[in-house]
Amino acid sequence: MWDHKGVRITLRIIQYAILISYAVITFIPFLWALSASFKTLAEISTGEPNFIPKVFTLDNYKQIFIDEPLFPRWFGNSSFVAVVVLGLNLLFNSMAGYALARLNFPGNKLMFFGILAVLMIPGQLTLIPSYMILNEFGWLNSFQGLIVPSAVNATFIFMMRQFFLSFPKDLEEAAEIDGMGRFGTFFRIALPLAGPALAAQAVFIFMGSWNDFMRPLVIMSEKAMFTLPLGLNTFKGQYYSFWNLIMAASMVFTLPALILFIFFNRFFVQGITFSGIK
């Protein structure tokens, strides 16, 4: 008969084996894409599942940055939209979450339940109404058409509310005694101490905006206004796809989100836990 320690060790080994296997299976497609970004189109077209290029070349990266004049523009469009959406969400979601957690005003509970109801509506259902509203405003094929509807997010309003519910009231009371108003307390006390929750929110918001394909597809019609996901789609022709260029562009597309996650990684799990989402 095994003792409890032996059972725990065996279960831990099985757990790590499953996790490592899943990590390897998940990483293999990325490794192939990275390898393919340094291959010629002819080598990719053979379909051989090799991870080391027979002919190593940087021509794919040269072609997307130099021979494709719109690629830097697409990268700039995605960067601008993602950064602005990120900044607006961090501000507005935090303010809304703080108000719902700390301010008693008529309709507080009703507004909170309304936000919960929004969470249950699939985003695809709002695409057509959003398109019609943006058309009325004349915001189609414009940056404001992408930015304004994404400036707040119900999920992260809920997340910040959960964080501020657990925020120590003693700090706010001390700030009030020192003569600090509600806005001063929020911007100088509450918001700086909400770093972990803001970091977790930043990762999700940036990656969601950076990877968004459907909304720009509906709103943008001019090629120069495309974001990077739409731009990548232009490398696919009706009868032929330039997979070497798609893979190279995909690697460039992956870097900003990867760098952001690495930078905020140490705050990420802490922010999720503090916000009450497990």
C-alpha atoms as a PDB file:
ATOM      1  CA  MET A   1       0.000   0.000   0.000  1.00  0.00           C
ATOM      2  CA  TRP A   2       1.266   3.446  -0.872  1.00  0.00           C
ATOM      3  CA  ASP A   3       1.391   6.134   1.756  1.00  0.00           C
ATOM      4  CA  HIS A   4      -0.171   9.533   1.199  1.00  0.00           C
ATOM      5  CA  LYS A   5       3.193  11.065   0.300  1.00  0.00           C
ATOM      6  CA  GLY A   6       3.740   8.523  -2.476  1.00  0.00           C
ATOM      7  CA  VAL A   7       0.270   9.186  -3.900  1.00  0.00           C
ATOM      8  CA  ARG A   8       0.869  12.951  -3.874  1.00  0.00           C
ATOM      9  CA  ILE A   9       4.198  12.566  -5.656  1.00  0.00           C
ATOM     10  CA  THR A  10       2.645  10.296  -8.290  1.00  0.00           C
ATOM     11  CA  LEU A  11      -0.239  12.693  -8.879  1.00  0.00           C
ATOM     12  CA  ARG A  12       2.201  15.600  -9.116  1.00  0.00           C
ATOM     13  CA  ILE A  13       4.269  13.703 -11.725  1.00  0.00           C
ATOM     14  CA  ILE A  14       1.133  12.962 -13.763  1.00  0.00           C
ATOM     15  CA  GLN A  15       0.044  16.605 -13.487  1.00  0.00           C
ATOM     16  CA  TYR A  16       3.401  17.910 -14.711  1.00  0.00           C
ATOM     17  CA  ALA A  17       3.478  15.321 -17.514  1.00  0.00           C
ATOM     18  CA  ILE A  18       0.058  16.470 -18.757  1.00  0.00           C
ATOM     19  CA  LEU A  19       1.002  20.151 -18.539  1.00  0.00           C
ATOM     20  CA  ILE A  20       4.323  19.635 -20.319  1.00  0.00           C
ATOM     21  CA  SER A  21       2.619  17.595 -23.051  1.00  0.00           C
ATOM     22  CA  TYR A  22       0.007  20.313 -23.539  1.00  0.00           C
ATOM     23  CA  ALA A  23       2.705  22.994 -23.647  1.00  0.00           C
ATOM     24  CA  VAL A  24       4.659  21.079 -26.287  1.00  0.00           C
ATOM     25  CA  ILE A  25       1.544  20.470 -28.426  1.00  0.00           C
ATOM     26  CA  THR A  26       0.642  24.169 -28.163  1.00  0.00           C
ATOM     27  CA  PHE A  27       4.177  25.356 -28.938  1.00  0.00           C
ATOM     28  CA  ILE A  28       4.764  23.180 -32.026  1.00  0.00           C
ATOM     29  CA  PRO A  29       2.542  25.270 -34.394  1.00  0.00           C
ATOM     30  CA  PHE A  30       4.264  28.472 -33.223  1.00  0.00           C
ATOM     31  CA  LEU A  31       7.682  26.880 -33.744  1.00  0.00           C
ATOM     32  CA  TRP A  32       6.672  25.809 -37.264  1.00  0.00           C
ATOM     33  CA  ALA A  33       5.424  29.339 -38.050  1.00  0.00           C
ATOM     34  CA  LEU A  34       8.702  30.821 -36.777  1.00  0.00           C
ATOM     35  CA  SER A  35      10.676  28.382 -38.908  1.00  0.00           C
ATOM     36  CA  ALA A  36       8.478  29.023 -41.959  1.00  0.00           C
ATOM     37  CA  SER A  37       9.100  32.762 -41.699  1.00  0.00           C
ATOM     38  CA  PHE A  38      12.733  32.049 -42.697  1.00  0.00           C
ATOM     39  CA  LYS A  39      11.870  29.633 -45.534  1.00  0.00           C
ATOM     40  CA  THR A  40      11.235  30.255 -49.209  1.00  0.00           C
ATOM     41  CA  LEU A  41       7.721  29.879 -50.536  1.00  0.00           C
ATOM     42  CA  ALA A  42       8.811  26.892 -52.626  1.00  0.00           C
ATOM     43  CA  GLU A  43      10.063  25.033 -49.550  1.00  0.00           C
ATOM     44  CA  ILE A  44       6.861  25.750 -47.602  1.00  0.00           C
ATOM     45  CA  SER A  45       4.760  24.573 -50.554  1.00  0.00           C
ATOM     46  CA  THR A  46       6.357  21.120 -50.464  1.00  0.00           C
ATOM     47  CA  GLY A  47       4.509  20.448 -47.210  1.00  0.00           C
ATOM     48  CA  GLU A  48       7.492  18.854 -45.457  1.00  0.00           C
ATOM     49  CA  PRO A  49       7.073  19.174 -41.666  1.00  0.00           C
ATOM     50  CA  ASN A  50      10.702  20.202 -41.052  1.00  0.00           C
ATOM     51  CA  PHE A  51      11.472  22.818 -38.404  1.00  0.00           C
ATOM     52  CA  ILE A  52      14.909  23.769 -39.738  1.00  0.00           C
ATOM     53  CA  PRO A  53      14.870  25.670 -43.066  1.00  0.00           C
ATOM     54  CA  LYS A  54      16.871  24.062 -45.858  1.00  0.00           C
ATOM     55  CA  VAL A  55      17.590  27.537 -47.208  1.00  0.00           C
ATOM     56  CA  PHE A  56      17.641  30.156 -44.447  1.00  0.00           C
ATOM     57  CA  THR A  57      16.522  33.551 -45.778  1.00  0.00           C
ATOM     58  CA  LEU A  58      15.565  36.970 -44.442  1.00  0.00           C
ATOM     59  CA  ASP A  59      13.930  37.981 -47.727  1.00  0.00           C
ATOM     60  CA  ASN A  60      10.439  37.483 -46.272  1.00  0.00           C
ATOM     61  CA  TYR A  61      11.018  40.141 -43.618  1.00  0.00           C
ATOM     62  CA  LYS A  62      12.697  42.419 -46.141  1.00  0.00           C
ATOM     63  CA  GLN A  63       9.746  42.050 -48.495  1.00  0.00           C
ATOM     64  CA  ILE A  64       7.043  42.897 -45.943  1.00  0.00           C
ATOM     65  CA  PHE A  65       8.904  45.958 -44.616  1.00  0.00           C
ATOM     66  CA  ILE A  66      10.386  47.331 -47.845  1.00  0.00           C
ATOM     67  CA  ASP A  67       8.517  45.894 -50.830  1.00  0.00           C
ATOM     68  CA  GLU A  68       5.097  46.097 -49.132  1.00  0.00           C
ATOM     69  CA  PRO A  69       4.707  49.851 -48.500  1.00  0.00           C
ATOM     70  CA  LEU A  70       1.492  49.488 -46.515  1.00  0.00           C
ATOM     71  CA  PHE A  71       2.839  47.015 -43.943  1.00  0.00           C
ATOM     72  CA  PRO A  72       4.489  49.698 -41.737  1.00  0.00           C
ATOM     73  CA  ARG A  73       1.249  51.692 -42.033  1.00  0.00           C
ATOM     74  CA  TRP A  74      -0.804  48.691 -40.867  1.00  0.00           C
ATOM     75  CA  PHE A  75       1.589  48.160 -37.976  1.00  0.00           C
ATOM     76  CA  GLY A  76       1.280  51.827 -37.030  1.00  0.00           C
ATOM     77  CA  ASN A  77      -2.524  51.706 -37.273  1.00  0.00           C
ATOM     78  CA  SER A  78      -2.706  48.680 -34.958  1.00  0.00           C
ATOM     79  CA  SER A  79      -0.237  50.237 -32.514  1.00  0.00           C
ATOM     80  CA  PHE A  80      -2.111  53.547 -32.379  1.00  0.00           C
ATOM     81  CA  VAL A  81      -5.530  51.952 -31.912  1.00  0.00           C
ATOM     82  CA  ALA A  82      -4.317  49.425 -29.325  1.00  0.00           C
ATOM     83  CA  VAL A  83      -2.447  52.024 -27.236  1.00  0.00           C
ATOM     84  CA  VAL A  84      -5.321  54.538 -27.243  1.00  0.00           C
ATOM     85  CA  VAL A  85      -7.917  51.834 -26.458  1.00  0.00           C
ATOM     86  CA  LEU A  86      -5.674  50.580 -23.663  1.00  0.00           C
ATOM     87  CA  GLY A  87      -5.298  54.042 -22.106  1.00  0.00           C
ATOM     88  CA  LEU A  88      -9.014  54.842 -22.287  1.00  0.00           C
ATOM     89  CA  ASN A  89      -9.997  51.473 -20.816  1.00  0.00           C
ATOM     90  CA  LEU A  90      -7.566  51.736 -17.924  1.00  0.00           C
ATOM     91  CA  LEU A  91      -9.003  55.143 -17.034  1.00  0.00           C
ATOM     92  CA  PHE A  92     -12.725  54.645 -17.640  1.00  0.00           C
ATOM     93  CA  ASN A  93     -13.011  51.064 -16.399  1.00  0.00           C
ATOM     94  CA  SER A  94     -11.175  51.987 -13.209  1.00  0.00           C
ATOM     95  CA  MET A  95     -13.324  55.064 -12.613  1.00  0.00           C
ATOM     96  CA  ALA A  96     -16.531  53.117 -13.222  1.00  0.00           C
ATOM     97  CA  GLY A  97     -15.404  50.237 -11.025  1.00  0.00           C
ATOM     98  CA  TYR A  98     -14.451  52.611  -8.216  1.00  0.00           C
ATOM     99  CA  ALA A  99     -17.772  54.443  -8.451  1.00  0.00           C
ATOM    100  CA  LEU A 100     -19.758  51.193  -8.293  1.00  0.00           C
ATOM    101  CA  ALA A 101     -17.698  49.934  -5.359  1.00  0.00           C
ATOM    102  CA  ARG A 102     -17.470  53.084  -3.252  1.00  0.00           C
ATOM    103  CA  LEU A 103     -20.199  55.575  -4.161  1.00  0.00           C
ATOM    104  CA  ASN A 104     -23.793  55.197  -3.028  1.00  0.00           C
ATOM    105  CA  PHE A 105     -26.001  56.856  -5.622  1.00  0.00           C
ATOM    106  CA  PRO A 106     -29.505  56.146  -6.952  1.00  0.00           C
ATOM    107  CA  GLY A 107     -29.391  53.338  -9.480  1.00  0.00           C
ATOM    108  CA  ASN A 108     -26.043  51.935  -8.328  1.00  0.00           C
ATOM    109  CA  LYS A 109     -27.306  48.358  -8.066  1.00  0.00           C
ATOM    110  CA  LEU A 110     -29.378  48.654 -11.238  1.00  0.00           C
ATOM    111  CA  MET A 111     -26.365  49.914 -13.176  1.00  0.00           C
ATOM    112  CA  PHE A 112     -24.244  47.064 -11.845  1.00  0.00           C
ATOM    113  CA  PHE A 113     -26.823  44.489 -12.898  1.00  0.00           C
ATOM    114  CA  GLY A 114     -26.969  46.172 -16.296  1.00  0.00           C
ATOM    115  CA  ILE A 115     -23.205  45.694 -16.665  1.00  0.00           C
ATOM    116  CA  LEU A 116     -23.594  42.037 -15.711  1.00  0.00           C
ATOM    117  CA  ALA A 117     -26.305  41.701 -18.374  1.00  0.00           C
ATOM    118  CA  VAL A 118     -23.955  43.174 -20.999  1.00  0.00           C
ATOM    119  CA  LEU A 119     -21.422  40.468 -20.139  1.00  0.00           C
ATOM    120  CA  MET A 120     -23.926  37.830 -21.255  1.00  0.00           C
ATOM    121  CA  ILE A 121     -24.396  39.301 -24.754  1.00  0.00           C
ATOM    122  CA  PRO A 122     -22.023  37.871 -27.415  1.00  0.00           C
ATOM    123  CA  GLY A 123     -20.029  40.586 -29.138  1.00  0.00           C
ATOM    124  CA  GLN A 124     -21.072  39.290 -32.562  1.00  0.00           C
ATOM    125  CA  LEU A 125     -24.672  40.348 -31.880  1.00  0.00           C
ATOM    126  CA  THR A 126     -23.652  43.989 -31.485  1.00  0.00           C
ATOM    127  CA  LEU A 127     -21.641  44.248 -34.724  1.00  0.00           C
ATOM    128  CA  ILE A 128     -24.566  45.233 -36.968  1.00  0.00           C
ATOM    129  CA  PRO A 129     -26.080  47.766 -34.490  1.00  0.00           C
ATOM    130  CA  SER A 130     -22.591  49.228 -33.976  1.00  0.00           C
ATOM    131  CA  TYR A 131     -22.108  49.485 -37.737  1.00  0.00           C
ATOM    132  CA  MET A 132     -25.416  51.330 -38.166  1.00  0.00           C
ATOM    133  CA  ILE A 133     -24.649  53.762 -35.331  1.00  0.00           C
ATOM    134  CA  LEU A 134     -21.158  54.475 -36.663  1.00  0.00           C
ATOM    135  CA  ASN A 135     -22.613  55.000 -40.126  1.00  0.00           C
ATOM    136  CA  GLU A 136     -25.006  57.617 -38.727  1.00  0.00           C
ATOM    137  CA  PHE A 137     -22.075  59.408 -37.062  1.00  0.00           C
ATOM    138  CA  GLY A 138     -19.995  59.204 -40.230  1.00  0.00           C
ATOM    139  CA  TRP A 139     -17.289  57.269 -38.397  1.00  0.00           C
ATOM    140  CA  LEU A 140     -16.913  54.352 -40.780  1.00  0.00           C
ATOM    141  CA  ASN A 141     -13.382  53.859 -42.095  1.00  0.00           C
ATOM    142  CA  SER A 142     -11.955  56.018 -39.291  1.00  0.00           C
ATOM    143  CA  PHE A 143      -9.907  55.505 -36.145  1.00  0.00           C
ATOM    144  CA  GLN A 144     -12.644  56.892 -33.911  1.00  0.00           C
ATOM    145  CA  GLY A 145     -14.945  54.198 -35.263  1.00  0.00           C
ATOM    146  CA  LEU A 146     -12.579  51.599 -33.837  1.00  0.00           C
ATOM    147  CA  ILE A 147     -11.580  53.420 -30.655  1.00  0.00           C
ATOM    148  CA  VAL A 148     -14.766  54.928 -29.220  1.00  0.00           C
ATOM    149  CA  PRO A 149     -16.899  51.723 -29.103  1.00  0.00           C
ATOM    150  CA  SER A 150     -13.949  49.947 -27.441  1.00  0.00           C
ATOM    151  CA  ALA A 151     -13.161  52.692 -24.908  1.00  0.00           C
ATOM    152  CA  VAL A 152     -14.919  50.827 -22.068  1.00  0.00           C
ATOM    153  CA  ASN A 153     -15.349  47.158 -21.322  1.00  0.00           C
ATOM    154  CA  ALA A 154     -18.014  45.667 -19.050  1.00  0.00           C
ATOM    155  CA  THR A 155     -15.794  42.745 -18.061  1.00  0.00           C
ATOM    156  CA  PHE A 156     -13.085  44.979 -16.676  1.00  0.00           C
ATOM    157  CA  ILE A 157     -15.526  47.373 -15.028  1.00  0.00           C
ATOM    158  CA  PHE A 158     -16.696  44.334 -13.075  1.00  0.00           C
ATOM    159  CA  MET A 159     -13.085  43.329 -12.447  1.00  0.00           C
ATOM    160  CA  MET A 160     -12.108  46.758 -11.082  1.00  0.00           C
ATOM    161  CA  ARG A 161     -15.242  46.890  -8.943  1.00  0.00           C
ATOM    162  CA  GLN A 162     -14.245  43.601  -7.345  1.00  0.00           C
ATOM    163  CA  PHE A 163     -10.782  44.975  -6.665  1.00  0.00           C
ATOM    164  CA  PHE A 164     -11.998  48.212  -5.094  1.00  0.00           C
ATOM    165  CA  LEU A 165     -14.510  46.348  -2.916  1.00  0.00           C
ATOM    166  CA  SER A 166     -11.513  44.775  -1.164  1.00  0.00           C
ATOM    167  CA  PHE A 167      -9.580  48.056  -1.090  1.00  0.00           C
ATOM    168  CA  PRO A 168      -8.897  49.251   2.522  1.00  0.00           C
ATOM    169  CA  LYS A 169     -11.314  52.011   3.497  1.00  0.00           C
ATOM    170  CA  ASP A 170      -8.858  53.267   6.122  1.00  0.00           C
ATOM    171  CA  LEU A 171      -6.689  54.785   3.402  1.00  0.00           C
ATOM    172  CA  GLU A 172      -9.627  56.680   1.940  1.00  0.00           C
ATOM    173  CA  GLU A 173     -10.727  57.911   5.351  1.00  0.00           C
ATOM    174  CA  ALA A 174      -7.199  59.114   6.097  1.00  0.00           C
ATOM    175  CA  ALA A 175      -7.114  60.966   2.771  1.00  0.00           C
ATOM    176  CA  GLU A 176     -10.496  62.531   3.539  1.00  0.00           C
ATOM    177  CA  ILE A 177      -9.237  63.725   6.945  1.00  0.00           C
ATOM    178  CA  ASP A 178      -6.289  65.339   5.156  1.00  0.00           C
ATOM    179  CA  GLY A 179      -8.775  67.291   3.043  1.00  0.00           C
ATOM    180  CA  MET A 180      -8.480  65.292  -0.150  1.00  0.00           C
ATOM    181  CA  GLY A 181     -11.604  65.138  -2.321  1.00  0.00           C
ATOM    182  CA  ARG A 182     -13.077  62.117  -4.043  1.00  0.00           C
ATOM    183  CA  PHE A 183     -11.156  62.639  -7.289  1.00  0.00           C
ATOM    184  CA  GLY A 184      -7.913  63.244  -5.405  1.00  0.00           C
ATOM    185  CA  THR A 185      -8.444  60.076  -3.379  1.00  0.00           C
ATOM    186  CA  PHE A 186      -9.057  58.067  -6.535  1.00  0.00           C
ATOM    187  CA  PHE A 187      -6.161  59.388  -8.611  1.00  0.00           C
ATOM    188  CA  ARG A 188      -3.581  59.772  -5.831  1.00  0.00           C
ATOM    189  CA  ILE A 189      -4.455  56.900  -3.463  1.00  0.00           C
ATOM    190  CA  ALA A 190      -6.674  54.212  -5.017  1.00  0.00           C
ATOM    191  CA  LEU A 191      -5.399  54.127  -8.598  1.00  0.00           C
ATOM    192  CA  PRO A 192      -1.648  53.927  -7.812  1.00  0.00           C
ATOM    193  CA  LEU A 193      -2.313  51.022  -5.425  1.00  0.00           C
ATOM    194  CA  ALA A 194      -4.397  49.195  -8.060  1.00  0.00           C
ATOM    195  CA  GLY A 195      -1.260  48.350 -10.051  1.00  0.00           C
ATOM    196  CA  PRO A 196      -1.725  44.552 -10.131  1.00  0.00           C
ATOM    197  CA  ALA A 197      -5.350  44.809 -11.283  1.00  0.00           C
ATOM    198  CA  LEU A 198      -4.418  47.444 -13.879  1.00  0.00           C
ATOM    199  CA  ALA A 199      -1.570  45.261 -15.170  1.00  0.00           C
ATOM    200  CA  ALA A 200      -3.876  42.266 -15.613  1.00  0.00           C
ATOM    201  CA  GLN A 201      -6.422  44.475 -17.350  1.00  0.00           C
ATOM    202  CA  ALA A 202      -3.728  45.991 -19.579  1.00  0.00           C
ATOM    203  CA  VAL A 203      -2.650  42.585 -20.893  1.00  0.00           C
ATOM    204  CA  PHE A 204      -6.199  41.518 -21.769  1.00  0.00           C
ATOM    205  CA  ILE A 205      -7.224  44.873 -23.276  1.00  0.00           C
ATOM    206  CA  PHE A 206      -4.098  45.286 -25.404  1.00  0.00           C
ATOM    207  CA  MET A 207      -4.187  41.731 -26.720  1.00  0.00           C
ATOM    208  CA  GLY A 208      -7.913  41.967 -27.450  1.00  0.00           C
ATOM    209  CA  SER A 209      -7.488  45.191 -29.417  1.00  0.00           C
ATOM    210  CA  TRP A 210      -4.244  44.108 -31.093  1.00  0.00           C
ATOM    211  CA  ASN A 211      -5.708  40.784 -32.277  1.00  0.00           C
ATOM    212  CA  ASP A 212      -9.142  42.121 -33.235  1.00  0.00           C
ATOM    213  CA  PHE A 213     -10.070  41.130 -36.765  1.00  0.00           C
ATOM    214  CA  MET A 214     -13.851  41.214 -36.992  1.00  0.00           C
ATOM    215  CA  ARG A 215     -14.498  44.821 -35.925  1.00  0.00           C
ATOM    216  CA  PRO A 216     -11.902  46.381 -38.294  1.00  0.00           C
ATOM    217  CA  LEU A 217     -13.211  44.106 -41.049  1.00  0.00           C
ATOM    218  CA  VAL A 218     -16.693  45.586 -40.608  1.00  0.00           C
ATOM    219  CA  ILE A 219     -15.618  49.217 -40.144  1.00  0.00           C
ATOM    220  CA  MET A 220     -12.583  49.675 -42.397  1.00  0.00           C
ATOM    221  CA  SER A 221     -12.866  49.665 -46.195  1.00  0.00           C
ATOM    222  CA  GLU A 222      -9.810  51.650 -47.315  1.00  0.00           C
ATOM    223  CA  LYS A 223      -6.675  49.523 -47.516  1.00  0.00           C
ATOM    224  CA  ALA A 224      -4.460  52.190 -45.964  1.00  0.00           C
ATOM    225  CA  MET A 225      -6.701  52.217 -42.868  1.00  0.00           C
ATOM    226  CA  PHE A 226      -6.394  48.481 -42.255  1.00  0.00           C
ATOM    227  CA  THR A 227      -5.014  47.210 -38.988  1.00  0.00           C
ATOM    228  CA  LEU A 228      -2.385  44.485 -39.017  1.00  0.00           C
ATOM    229  CA  PRO A 229      -4.802  41.495 -38.781  1.00  0.00           C
ATOM    230  CA  LEU A 230      -6.638  42.781 -41.860  1.00  0.00           C
ATOM    231  CA  GLY A 231      -3.348  43.504 -43.582  1.00  0.00           C
ATOM    232  CA  LEU A 232      -2.215  39.917 -43.062  1.00  0.00           C
ATOM    233  CA  ASN A 233      -5.369  38.761 -44.781  1.00  0.00           C
ATOM    234  CA  THR A 234      -4.379  40.639 -47.953  1.00  0.00           C
ATOM    235  CA  PHE A 235      -1.456  38.255 -48.437  1.00  0.00           C
ATOM    236  CA  LYS A 236      -4.022  35.555 -49.220  1.00  0.00           C
ATOM    237  CA  GLY A 237      -5.038  35.559 -52.868  1.00  0.00           C
ATOM    238  CA  GLN A 238      -8.030  33.935 -54.504  1.00  0.00           C
ATOM    239  CA  TYR A 239      -6.042  30.943 -55.730  1.00  0.00           C
ATOM    240  CA  TYR A 240      -2.726  31.210 -53.918  1.00  0.00           C
ATOM    241  CA  SER A 241      -1.463  32.245 -50.496  1.00  0.00           C
ATOM    242  CA  PHE A 242       1.984  33.684 -49.849  1.00  0.00           C
ATOM    243  CA  TRP A 243       2.589  31.689 -46.692  1.00  0.00           C
ATOM    244  CA  ASN A 244       6.181  32.851 -46.377  1.00  0.00           C
ATOM    245  CA  LEU A 245       5.026  36.473 -46.089  1.00  0.00           C
ATOM    246  CA  ILE A 246       2.096  35.545 -43.825  1.00  0.00           C
ATOM    247  CA  MET A 247       4.406  33.695 -41.419  1.00  0.00           C
ATOM    248  CA  ALA A 248       6.965  36.523 -41.340  1.00  0.00           C
ATOM    249  CA  ALA A 249       4.280  39.129 -40.762  1.00  0.00           C
ATOM    250  CA  SER A 250       2.699  36.920 -38.082  1.00  0.00           C
ATOM    251  CA  MET A 251       5.986  36.826 -36.162  1.00  0.00           C
ATOM    252  CA  VAL A 252       6.217  40.612 -36.268  1.00  0.00           C
ATOM    253  CA  PHE A 253       2.557  40.763 -35.240  1.00  0.00           C
ATOM    254  CA  THR A 254       3.230  38.492 -32.237  1.00  0.00           C
ATOM    255  CA  LEU A 255       6.131  40.472 -30.769  1.00  0.00           C
ATOM    256  CA  PRO A 256       4.323  43.471 -29.144  1.00  0.00           C
ATOM    257  CA  ALA A 257       1.795  41.301 -27.292  1.00  0.00           C
ATOM    258  CA  LEU A 258       4.564  38.923 -26.213  1.00  0.00           C
ATOM    259  CA  ILE A 259       6.725  41.776 -24.915  1.00  0.00           C
ATOM    260  CA  LEU A 260       3.788  43.280 -23.042  1.00  0.00           C
ATOM    261  CA  PHE A 261       2.945  39.972 -21.382  1.00  0.00           C
ATOM    262  CA  ILE A 262       6.574  39.401 -20.359  1.00  0.00           C
ATOM    263  CA  PHE A 263       6.753  42.908 -18.885  1.00  0.00           C
ATOM    264  CA  PHE A 264       3.518  42.560 -16.876  1.00  0.00           C
ATOM    265  CA  ASN A 265       3.830  38.845 -16.114  1.00  0.00           C
ATOM    266  CA  ARG A 266       4.820  39.312 -12.471  1.00  0.00           C
ATOM    267  CA  PHE A 267       1.688  41.400 -11.840  1.00  0.00           C
ATOM    268  CA  PHE A 268      -0.654  39.262 -13.920  1.00  0.00           C
ATOM    269  CA  VAL A 269      -1.609  36.417 -11.562  1.00  0.00           C
ATOM    270  CA  GLN A 270      -1.630  38.762  -8.577  1.00  0.00           C
ATOM    271  CA  GLY A 271      -4.019  41.123 -10.357  1.00  0.00           C
ATOM    272  CA  ILE A 272      -6.406  38.333 -11.341  1.00  0.00           C
ATOM    273  CA  THR A 273      -6.463  37.013  -7.768  1.00  0.00           C
ATOM    274  CA  PHE A 274      -6.948  40.426  -6.155  1.00  0.00           C
ATOM    275  CA  SER A 275      -9.830  41.168  -8.522  1.00  0.00           C
ATOM    276  CA  GLY A 276     -11.809  38.167  -7.348  1.00  0.00           C
ATOM    277  CA  ILE A 277     -11.637  36.328 -10.695  1.00  0.00           C
ATOM    278  CA  LYS A 278     -10.094  32.892 -10.288  1.00  0.00           C
END
